[in-house]
Amino acid sequence: MSKGSPGPTPGFLVWRLANKWRVAVDRAVAPLGLTHAQYSLVASLHGMQRAGERPSQRRLADHTGLEALYVSKLARTLESAGLIERTRDPRDPRAVQLSLTEQGQAVTRQAITVVQELLQQLLEPLGGLDAPRTRAFTDELTTLLDAPLAPSVPIDANTHGGTS
């Protein structure tokens, strides 16, 4: 950036950090046959199962922040790999429940260990995973993620120089 520029925006920095971390996690979990998105799904499913839940694909989508259609695609891929099981919800035949297989649990435990070690490395500039600065950073990110987005305003071609 030139000296006259105001510097990077928070949005740009969040985007850069998200991409940097996604690439790092992709590389770290690749030897286990996972992508970062697949890891997010199985790690979340692991935590939910430990809490006694057998979530639907929709519930898992809401939990991870991924689109329901993408979760469905990931779930099919993970099912083909033998890592998760997809079954119809007995209470709602339209819903699909997900659970980790034994193989999925083993791979997920390994992946969680690998990603925890990676997070320790990535967060070292803030003092590490358990440091006060990391906790404050996590609190700030949580605040931003919890804030609802304002409804999008339709673009009016008349006020934006477009043509009808």
N, C-alpha and C. Protein backbone atom coordinates (compact mmCIF):
# COMPACT_ATOMS: atom_id res chain seq x y z
N MET A 1 0.84 -1.18 0.00
CA MET A 1 0.00 0.00 0.00
C MET A 1 0.88 1.24 0.00
N SER A 2 0.43 2.27 -0.67
CA SER A 2 1.20 3.51 -0.73
C SER A 2 1.04 4.28 0.57
N LYS A 3 1.95 5.23 0.80
CA LYS A 3 1.90 5.99 2.05
C LYS A 3 0.67 6.87 2.13
N GLY A 4 0.08 7.22 0.99
CA GLY A 4 -1.10 8.07 0.97
C GLY A 4 -2.40 7.31 1.23
N SER A 5 -2.36 5.99 1.18
CA SER A 5 -3.60 5.22 1.37
C SER A 5 -3.92 5.09 2.86
N PRO A 6 -5.21 4.99 3.19
CA PRO A 6 -5.60 4.93 4.59
C PRO A 6 -5.29 3.59 5.26
N GLY A 7 -4.84 2.62 4.52
CA GLY A 7 -4.55 1.30 5.09
C GLY A 7 -5.67 0.33 4.80
N PRO A 8 -5.43 -0.93 5.08
CA PRO A 8 -6.43 -1.95 4.78
C PRO A 8 -7.67 -1.81 5.67
N THR A 9 -8.80 -2.13 5.11
CA THR A 9 -10.04 -2.08 5.89
C THR A 9 -10.15 -3.33 6.76
N PRO A 10 -10.95 -3.27 7.82
CA PRO A 10 -11.16 -4.48 8.63
C PRO A 10 -11.69 -5.64 7.80
N GLY A 11 -12.59 -5.35 6.87
CA GLY A 11 -13.14 -6.41 6.02
C GLY A 11 -12.07 -7.10 5.19
N PHE A 12 -11.18 -6.30 4.64
CA PHE A 12 -10.08 -6.86 3.85
C PHE A 12 -9.18 -7.74 4.72
N LEU A 13 -8.88 -7.27 5.92
CA LEU A 13 -8.01 -8.03 6.81
C LEU A 13 -8.68 -9.34 7.27
N VAL A 14 -9.98 -9.30 7.57
CA VAL A 14 -10.70 -10.52 7.95
C VAL A 14 -10.68 -11.51 6.79
N TRP A 15 -10.93 -10.99 5.58
CA TRP A 15 -10.92 -11.84 4.39
C TRP A 15 -9.55 -12.49 4.19
N ARG A 16 -8.48 -11.70 4.31
CA ARG A 16 -7.11 -12.22 4.16
C ARG A 16 -6.80 -13.26 5.22
N LEU A 17 -7.16 -12.98 6.47
CA LEU A 17 -6.90 -13.92 7.55
C LEU A 17 -7.69 -15.21 7.36
N ALA A 18 -8.95 -15.09 6.97
CA ALA A 18 -9.77 -16.28 6.73
C ALA A 18 -9.16 -17.15 5.64
N ASN A 19 -8.71 -16.53 4.58
CA ASN A 19 -8.09 -17.29 3.49
C ASN A 19 -6.77 -17.92 3.92
N LYS A 20 -5.97 -17.18 4.67
CA LYS A 20 -4.69 -17.71 5.15
C LYS A 20 -4.93 -18.93 6.03
N TRP A 21 -5.89 -18.83 6.95
CA TRP A 21 -6.17 -19.93 7.86
C TRP A 21 -6.81 -21.11 7.14
N ARG A 22 -7.68 -20.82 6.16
CA ARG A 22 -8.32 -21.90 5.41
C ARG A 22 -7.26 -22.72 4.68
N VAL A 23 -6.32 -22.05 4.03
CA VAL A 23 -5.25 -22.74 3.31
C VAL A 23 -4.40 -23.55 4.29
N ALA A 24 -4.10 -22.98 5.44
CA ALA A 24 -3.28 -23.68 6.43
C ALA A 24 -4.00 -24.95 6.94
N VAL A 25 -5.30 -24.83 7.22
CA VAL A 25 -6.05 -26.00 7.69
C VAL A 25 -6.19 -27.02 6.56
N ASP A 26 -6.46 -26.56 5.34
CA ASP A 26 -6.52 -27.49 4.20
C ASP A 26 -5.25 -28.33 4.11
N ARG A 27 -4.10 -27.67 4.21
CA ARG A 27 -2.81 -28.38 4.13
C ARG A 27 -2.62 -29.33 5.31
N ALA A 28 -3.04 -28.90 6.49
CA ALA A 28 -2.83 -29.71 7.69
C ALA A 28 -3.68 -30.97 7.71
N VAL A 29 -4.92 -30.89 7.20
CA VAL A 29 -5.82 -32.05 7.27
C VAL A 29 -5.82 -32.88 5.99
N ALA A 30 -5.14 -32.41 4.93
CA ALA A 30 -5.09 -33.15 3.67
C ALA A 30 -4.54 -34.58 3.84
N PRO A 31 -3.51 -34.79 4.66
CA PRO A 31 -3.03 -36.17 4.83
C PRO A 31 -4.07 -37.11 5.44
N LEU A 32 -5.09 -36.55 6.08
CA LEU A 32 -6.16 -37.37 6.65
C LEU A 32 -7.31 -37.54 5.66
N GLY A 33 -7.15 -37.00 4.46
CA GLY A 33 -8.18 -37.12 3.43
C GLY A 33 -9.32 -36.13 3.57
N LEU A 34 -9.07 -35.03 4.28
CA LEU A 34 -10.11 -34.03 4.51
C LEU A 34 -9.73 -32.68 3.90
N THR A 35 -10.75 -31.89 3.62
CA THR A 35 -10.56 -30.48 3.29
C THR A 35 -10.94 -29.67 4.53
N HIS A 36 -10.68 -28.38 4.49
CA HIS A 36 -11.05 -27.54 5.62
C HIS A 36 -12.55 -27.57 5.86
N ALA A 37 -13.34 -27.49 4.79
CA ALA A 37 -14.80 -27.52 4.94
C ALA A 37 -15.26 -28.85 5.52
N GLN A 38 -14.69 -29.94 5.05
CA GLN A 38 -15.04 -31.26 5.60
C GLN A 38 -14.63 -31.35 7.07
N TYR A 39 -13.47 -30.82 7.39
CA TYR A 39 -13.03 -30.80 8.79
C TYR A 39 -14.03 -30.03 9.65
N SER A 40 -14.46 -28.87 9.17
CA SER A 40 -15.43 -28.08 9.93
C SER A 40 -16.69 -28.87 10.20
N LEU A 41 -17.11 -29.64 9.22
CA LEU A 41 -18.32 -30.45 9.37
C LEU A 41 -18.11 -31.58 10.37
N VAL A 42 -17.04 -32.37 10.21
CA VAL A 42 -16.86 -33.52 11.10
C VAL A 42 -16.49 -33.09 12.52
N ALA A 43 -15.72 -32.02 12.67
CA ALA A 43 -15.36 -31.55 14.01
C ALA A 43 -16.60 -31.02 14.73
N SER A 44 -17.45 -30.29 14.01
CA SER A 44 -18.70 -29.81 14.61
C SER A 44 -19.60 -30.98 14.97
N LEU A 45 -19.71 -31.94 14.07
CA LEU A 45 -20.53 -33.12 14.32
C LEU A 45 -20.00 -33.89 15.53
N HIS A 46 -18.70 -33.99 15.63
CA HIS A 46 -18.06 -34.66 16.78
C HIS A 46 -18.47 -33.99 18.10
N GLY A 47 -18.36 -32.68 18.13
CA GLY A 47 -18.73 -31.94 19.33
C GLY A 47 -20.20 -32.08 19.67
N MET A 48 -21.04 -32.03 18.66
CA MET A 48 -22.49 -32.16 18.88
C MET A 48 -22.85 -33.57 19.37
N GLN A 49 -22.20 -34.58 18.79
CA GLN A 49 -22.45 -35.96 19.23
C GLN A 49 -22.01 -36.15 20.68
N ARG A 50 -20.88 -35.56 21.03
CA ARG A 50 -20.40 -35.67 22.43
C ARG A 50 -21.38 -35.02 23.39
N ALA A 51 -22.15 -34.04 22.90
CA ALA A 51 -23.15 -33.36 23.73
C ALA A 51 -24.50 -34.10 23.69
N GLY A 52 -24.52 -35.27 23.01
CA GLY A 52 -25.73 -36.07 22.98
C GLY A 52 -26.66 -35.78 21.82
N GLU A 53 -26.23 -34.95 20.88
CA GLU A 53 -27.09 -34.61 19.73
C GLU A 53 -26.82 -35.53 18.56
N ARG A 54 -27.84 -35.73 17.77
CA ARG A 54 -27.70 -36.34 16.44
C ARG A 54 -28.34 -35.34 15.49
N PRO A 55 -27.54 -34.36 15.06
CA PRO A 55 -28.12 -33.22 14.33
C PRO A 55 -28.58 -33.57 12.92
N SER A 56 -29.52 -32.79 12.46
CA SER A 56 -29.93 -32.86 11.06
C SER A 56 -28.91 -32.08 10.24
N GLN A 57 -28.97 -32.29 8.94
CA GLN A 57 -28.09 -31.51 8.06
C GLN A 57 -28.36 -30.02 8.24
N ARG A 58 -29.62 -29.63 8.39
CA ARG A 58 -29.99 -28.23 8.57
C ARG A 58 -29.37 -27.68 9.85
N ARG A 59 -29.48 -28.43 10.93
CA ARG A 59 -28.93 -27.99 12.23
C ARG A 59 -27.41 -27.82 12.12
N LEU A 60 -26.76 -28.76 11.44
CA LEU A 60 -25.31 -28.67 11.26
C LEU A 60 -24.95 -27.49 10.38
N ALA A 61 -25.75 -27.21 9.37
CA ALA A 61 -25.52 -26.04 8.52
C ALA A 61 -25.62 -24.76 9.35
N ASP A 62 -26.65 -24.68 10.17
CA ASP A 62 -26.81 -23.50 11.02
C ASP A 62 -25.63 -23.35 11.98
N HIS A 63 -25.17 -24.47 12.54
CA HIS A 63 -24.07 -24.45 13.50
C HIS A 63 -22.75 -24.01 12.86
N THR A 64 -22.48 -24.51 11.64
CA THR A 64 -21.20 -24.21 10.99
C THR A 64 -21.21 -22.91 10.21
N GLY A 65 -22.41 -22.41 9.88
CA GLY A 65 -22.49 -21.22 9.04
C GLY A 65 -22.36 -21.54 7.56
N LEU A 66 -22.36 -22.82 7.22
CA LEU A 66 -22.30 -23.23 5.81
C LEU A 66 -23.71 -23.32 5.24
N GLU A 67 -23.84 -23.14 3.96
CA GLU A 67 -25.13 -23.27 3.29
C GLU A 67 -25.62 -24.71 3.40
N ALA A 68 -26.92 -24.89 3.57
CA ALA A 68 -27.50 -26.23 3.73
C ALA A 68 -27.18 -27.12 2.53
N LEU A 69 -27.24 -26.57 1.32
CA LEU A 69 -26.94 -27.35 0.12
C LEU A 69 -25.49 -27.82 0.12
N TYR A 70 -24.58 -26.96 0.59
CA TYR A 70 -23.16 -27.32 0.66
C TYR A 70 -22.95 -28.41 1.72
N VAL A 71 -23.64 -28.30 2.84
CA VAL A 71 -23.54 -29.33 3.89
C VAL A 71 -24.02 -30.67 3.34
N SER A 72 -25.10 -30.64 2.58
CA SER A 72 -25.62 -31.87 1.97
C SER A 72 -24.58 -32.50 1.05
N LYS A 73 -23.93 -31.68 0.23
CA LYS A 73 -22.89 -32.17 -0.69
C LYS A 73 -21.70 -32.74 0.09
N LEU A 74 -21.26 -32.00 1.11
CA LEU A 74 -20.15 -32.48 1.94
C LEU A 74 -20.52 -33.79 2.63
N ALA A 75 -21.74 -33.86 3.14
CA ALA A 75 -22.19 -35.06 3.86
C ALA A 75 -22.18 -36.27 2.94
N ARG A 76 -22.63 -36.10 1.71
CA ARG A 76 -22.61 -37.23 0.76
C ARG A 76 -21.18 -37.70 0.49
N THR A 77 -20.28 -36.74 0.32
CA THR A 77 -18.86 -37.08 0.08
C THR A 77 -18.28 -37.81 1.29
N LEU A 78 -18.56 -37.30 2.49
CA LEU A 78 -18.05 -37.93 3.71
C LEU A 78 -18.69 -39.30 3.94
N GLU A 79 -19.94 -39.45 3.54
CA GLU A 79 -20.60 -40.75 3.64
C GLU A 79 -19.92 -41.75 2.70
N SER A 80 -19.62 -41.31 1.48
CA SER A 80 -18.94 -42.18 0.51
C SER A 80 -17.56 -42.61 1.01
N ALA A 81 -16.93 -41.74 1.78
CA ALA A 81 -15.61 -42.05 2.35
C ALA A 81 -15.71 -42.92 3.60
N GLY A 82 -16.94 -43.18 4.05
CA GLY A 82 -17.12 -44.03 5.23
C GLY A 82 -16.95 -43.30 6.56
N LEU A 83 -16.98 -41.95 6.53
CA LEU A 83 -16.75 -41.19 7.75
C LEU A 83 -18.02 -40.79 8.48
N ILE A 84 -19.11 -40.64 7.75
CA ILE A 84 -20.38 -40.31 8.41
C ILE A 84 -21.49 -41.20 7.88
N GLU A 85 -22.55 -41.23 8.65
CA GLU A 85 -23.75 -41.96 8.27
C GLU A 85 -24.89 -40.97 8.18
N ARG A 86 -25.65 -41.06 7.11
CA ARG A 86 -26.83 -40.20 6.90
C ARG A 86 -28.06 -41.09 7.02
N THR A 87 -28.99 -40.73 7.90
CA THR A 87 -30.22 -41.51 8.06
C THR A 87 -31.40 -40.55 8.13
N ARG A 88 -32.55 -41.05 7.75
CA ARG A 88 -33.78 -40.26 7.84
C ARG A 88 -34.16 -40.07 9.30
N ASP A 89 -34.61 -38.88 9.62
CA ASP A 89 -35.08 -38.56 10.97
C ASP A 89 -36.44 -39.23 11.15
N PRO A 90 -36.61 -40.08 12.17
CA PRO A 90 -37.89 -40.76 12.37
C PRO A 90 -39.04 -39.80 12.66
N ARG A 91 -38.72 -38.61 13.18
CA ARG A 91 -39.76 -37.62 13.49
C ARG A 91 -40.12 -36.75 12.29
N ASP A 92 -39.20 -36.66 11.31
CA ASP A 92 -39.44 -35.82 10.13
C ASP A 92 -38.79 -36.50 8.92
N PRO A 93 -39.59 -37.21 8.12
CA PRO A 93 -39.01 -37.96 7.01
C PRO A 93 -38.29 -37.11 5.96
N ARG A 94 -38.51 -35.79 5.99
CA ARG A 94 -37.80 -34.92 5.05
C ARG A 94 -36.39 -34.60 5.54
N ALA A 95 -36.15 -34.74 6.84
CA ALA A 95 -34.85 -34.36 7.42
C ALA A 95 -33.89 -35.55 7.42
N VAL A 96 -32.62 -35.24 7.26
CA VAL A 96 -31.56 -36.24 7.29
C VAL A 96 -30.70 -35.97 8.52
N GLN A 97 -30.53 -37.00 9.35
CA GLN A 97 -29.66 -36.89 10.52
C GLN A 97 -28.27 -37.40 10.17
N LEU A 98 -27.27 -36.82 10.82
CA LEU A 98 -25.89 -37.19 10.56
C LEU A 98 -25.23 -37.72 11.83
N SER A 99 -24.35 -38.68 11.65
CA SER A 99 -23.53 -39.16 12.76
C SER A 99 -22.21 -39.67 12.21
N LEU A 100 -21.18 -39.58 13.03
CA LEU A 100 -19.87 -40.09 12.64
C LEU A 100 -19.85 -41.60 12.78
N THR A 101 -19.21 -42.27 11.83
CA THR A 101 -18.96 -43.70 11.95
C THR A 101 -17.77 -43.89 12.89
N GLU A 102 -17.43 -45.13 13.21
CA GLU A 102 -16.24 -45.37 14.05
C GLU A 102 -15.00 -44.83 13.35
N GLN A 103 -14.89 -45.10 12.04
CA GLN A 103 -13.76 -44.58 11.27
C GLN A 103 -13.78 -43.05 11.29
N GLY A 104 -14.96 -42.47 11.14
CA GLY A 104 -15.09 -41.01 11.16
C GLY A 104 -14.67 -40.42 12.49
N GLN A 105 -15.01 -41.10 13.58
CA GLN A 105 -14.60 -40.62 14.90
C GLN A 105 -13.08 -40.65 15.03
N ALA A 106 -12.45 -41.71 14.55
CA ALA A 106 -11.00 -41.83 14.65
C ALA A 106 -10.31 -40.75 13.82
N VAL A 107 -10.76 -40.56 12.58
CA VAL A 107 -10.16 -39.54 11.71
C VAL A 107 -10.39 -38.15 12.30
N THR A 108 -11.59 -37.92 12.82
CA THR A 108 -11.91 -36.61 13.38
C THR A 108 -11.05 -36.30 14.60
N ARG A 109 -10.85 -37.28 15.47
CA ARG A 109 -9.98 -37.06 16.64
C ARG A 109 -8.57 -36.70 16.19
N GLN A 110 -8.05 -37.39 15.18
CA GLN A 110 -6.72 -37.05 14.65
C GLN A 110 -6.71 -35.63 14.08
N ALA A 111 -7.73 -35.31 13.31
CA ALA A 111 -7.80 -33.99 12.68
C ALA A 111 -7.89 -32.88 13.72
N ILE A 112 -8.67 -33.11 14.77
CA ILE A 112 -8.79 -32.10 15.83
C ILE A 112 -7.43 -31.85 16.48
N THR A 113 -6.67 -32.91 16.72
CA THR A 113 -5.33 -32.76 17.30
C THR A 113 -4.43 -31.95 16.38
N VAL A 114 -4.45 -32.28 15.09
CA VAL A 114 -3.63 -31.58 14.10
C VAL A 114 -4.02 -30.10 14.05
N VAL A 115 -5.31 -29.81 14.02
CA VAL A 115 -5.77 -28.42 13.90
C VAL A 115 -5.50 -27.65 15.20
N GLN A 116 -5.60 -28.29 16.35
CA GLN A 116 -5.27 -27.61 17.60
C GLN A 116 -3.80 -27.20 17.62
N GLU A 117 -2.93 -28.08 17.13
CA GLU A 117 -1.50 -27.74 17.05
C GLU A 117 -1.28 -26.58 16.07
N LEU A 118 -2.00 -26.62 14.96
CA LEU A 118 -1.90 -25.54 13.98
C LEU A 118 -2.40 -24.22 14.57
N LEU A 119 -3.52 -24.27 15.28
CA LEU A 119 -4.05 -23.04 15.90
C LEU A 119 -3.06 -22.46 16.91
N GLN A 120 -2.40 -23.33 17.66
CA GLN A 120 -1.39 -22.84 18.61
C GLN A 120 -0.32 -22.06 17.85
N GLN A 121 0.10 -22.60 16.72
CA GLN A 121 1.12 -21.92 15.89
C GLN A 121 0.58 -20.62 15.31
N LEU A 122 -0.63 -20.65 14.75
CA LEU A 122 -1.20 -19.46 14.13
C LEU A 122 -1.48 -18.34 15.14
N LEU A 123 -1.77 -18.73 16.37
CA LEU A 123 -2.10 -17.74 17.41
C LEU A 123 -0.89 -17.35 18.27
N GLU A 124 0.26 -17.88 17.95
CA GLU A 124 1.48 -17.55 18.71
C GLU A 124 1.75 -16.05 18.76
N PRO A 125 1.51 -15.28 17.68
CA PRO A 125 1.73 -13.83 17.77
C PRO A 125 0.87 -13.15 18.83
N LEU A 126 -0.25 -13.77 19.23
CA LEU A 126 -1.10 -13.21 20.29
C LEU A 126 -0.79 -13.85 21.65
N GLY A 127 0.19 -14.76 21.69
CA GLY A 127 0.55 -15.41 22.94
C GLY A 127 0.12 -16.87 23.01
N GLY A 128 -0.47 -17.38 21.95
CA GLY A 128 -0.88 -18.78 21.93
C GLY A 128 -2.37 -18.96 22.17
N LEU A 129 -2.79 -20.20 22.11
CA LEU A 129 -4.20 -20.55 22.15
C LEU A 129 -4.90 -20.12 23.44
N ASP A 130 -4.21 -20.17 24.57
CA ASP A 130 -4.84 -19.86 25.86
C ASP A 130 -4.49 -18.48 26.40
N ALA A 131 -3.91 -17.63 25.57
CA ALA A 131 -3.45 -16.32 26.03
C ALA A 131 -4.62 -15.34 26.17
N PRO A 132 -4.48 -14.37 27.09
CA PRO A 132 -5.52 -13.35 27.25
C PRO A 132 -5.83 -12.59 25.95
N ARG A 133 -4.80 -12.28 25.15
CA ARG A 133 -5.04 -11.57 23.88
C ARG A 133 -5.86 -12.44 22.93
N THR A 134 -5.62 -13.75 22.94
CA THR A 134 -6.38 -14.65 22.09
C THR A 134 -7.83 -14.71 22.56
N ARG A 135 -8.05 -14.75 23.86
CA ARG A 135 -9.42 -14.76 24.38
C ARG A 135 -10.14 -13.46 24.01
N ALA A 136 -9.44 -12.34 24.09
CA ALA A 136 -10.05 -11.05 23.72
C ALA A 136 -10.35 -11.02 22.21
N PHE A 137 -9.43 -11.53 21.41
CA PHE A 137 -9.63 -11.62 19.96
C PHE A 137 -10.84 -12.50 19.65
N THR A 138 -10.96 -13.62 20.32
CA THR A 138 -12.09 -14.52 20.14
C THR A 138 -13.39 -13.83 20.53
N ASP A 139 -13.37 -13.09 21.63
CA ASP A 139 -14.57 -12.35 22.05
C ASP A 139 -14.98 -11.33 21.00
N GLU A 140 -14.01 -10.62 20.43
CA GLU A 140 -14.31 -9.61 19.40
C GLU A 140 -14.90 -10.28 18.15
N LEU A 141 -14.31 -11.39 17.74
CA LEU A 141 -14.83 -12.10 16.57
C LEU A 141 -16.25 -12.61 16.83
N THR A 142 -16.49 -13.11 18.03
CA THR A 142 -17.82 -13.60 18.39
C THR A 142 -18.84 -12.47 18.34
N THR A 143 -18.46 -11.30 18.84
CA THR A 143 -19.35 -10.14 18.79
C THR A 143 -19.72 -9.81 17.35
N LEU A 144 -18.74 -9.81 16.46
CA LEU A 144 -19.01 -9.51 15.05
C LEU A 144 -19.88 -10.59 14.40
N LEU A 145 -19.62 -11.85 14.72
CA LEU A 145 -20.41 -12.94 14.14
C LEU A 145 -21.83 -12.98 14.67
N ASP A 146 -22.03 -12.55 15.91
CA ASP A 146 -23.37 -12.56 16.52
C ASP A 146 -24.25 -11.40 16.06
N ALA A 147 -23.63 -10.36 15.50
CA ALA A 147 -24.41 -9.19 15.06
C ALA A 147 -25.18 -9.55 13.80
N PRO A 148 -26.49 -9.30 13.82
CA PRO A 148 -27.29 -9.63 12.62
C PRO A 148 -26.93 -8.69 11.47
N LEU A 149 -27.02 -9.24 10.28
CA LEU A 149 -26.79 -8.42 9.10
C LEU A 149 -28.07 -7.65 8.79
N ALA A 150 -27.90 -6.41 8.40
CA ALA A 150 -29.07 -5.63 7.98
C ALA A 150 -29.59 -6.23 6.68
N PRO A 151 -30.89 -6.17 6.47
CA PRO A 151 -31.42 -6.70 5.20
C PRO A 151 -30.81 -5.95 4.04
N SER A 152 -30.55 -6.68 2.97
CA SER A 152 -29.94 -6.03 1.81
C SER A 152 -30.95 -5.11 1.15
N VAL A 153 -30.43 -4.01 0.66
CA VAL A 153 -31.27 -3.01 -0.01
C VAL A 153 -31.18 -3.29 -1.50
N PRO A 154 -32.33 -3.42 -2.18
CA PRO A 154 -32.26 -3.67 -3.63
C PRO A 154 -31.61 -2.50 -4.34
N ILE A 155 -30.85 -2.82 -5.34
CA ILE A 155 -30.19 -1.78 -6.12
C ILE A 155 -31.23 -1.16 -7.05
N ASP A 156 -31.32 0.16 -6.97
CA ASP A 156 -32.26 0.90 -7.82
C ASP A 156 -31.48 1.40 -9.03
N ALA A 157 -31.83 0.89 -10.20
CA ALA A 157 -31.13 1.26 -11.42
C ALA A 157 -31.17 2.77 -11.67
N ASN A 158 -32.24 3.44 -11.21
CA ASN A 158 -32.35 4.87 -11.46
C ASN A 158 -31.36 5.67 -10.63
N THR A 159 -31.06 5.23 -9.41
CA THR A 159 -30.14 5.99 -8.57
C THR A 159 -28.69 5.57 -8.75
N HIS A 160 -28.46 4.46 -9.44
CA HIS A 160 -27.10 3.97 -9.63
C HIS A 160 -26.63 4.06 -11.07
N GLY A 161 -27.32 4.86 -11.85
CA GLY A 161 -26.88 5.09 -13.22
C GLY A 161 -27.15 3.94 -14.17
N GLY A 162 -27.88 2.93 -13.74
CA GLY A 162 -28.19 1.80 -14.62
C GLY A 162 -29.29 2.15 -15.58
N THR A 163 -29.54 1.26 -16.51
CA THR A 163 -30.62 1.45 -17.45
C THR A 163 -31.70 0.43 -17.20
N SER A 164 -32.92 0.79 -17.55
CA SER A 164 -34.04 -0.12 -17.34
C SER A 164 -34.26 -1.01 -18.52
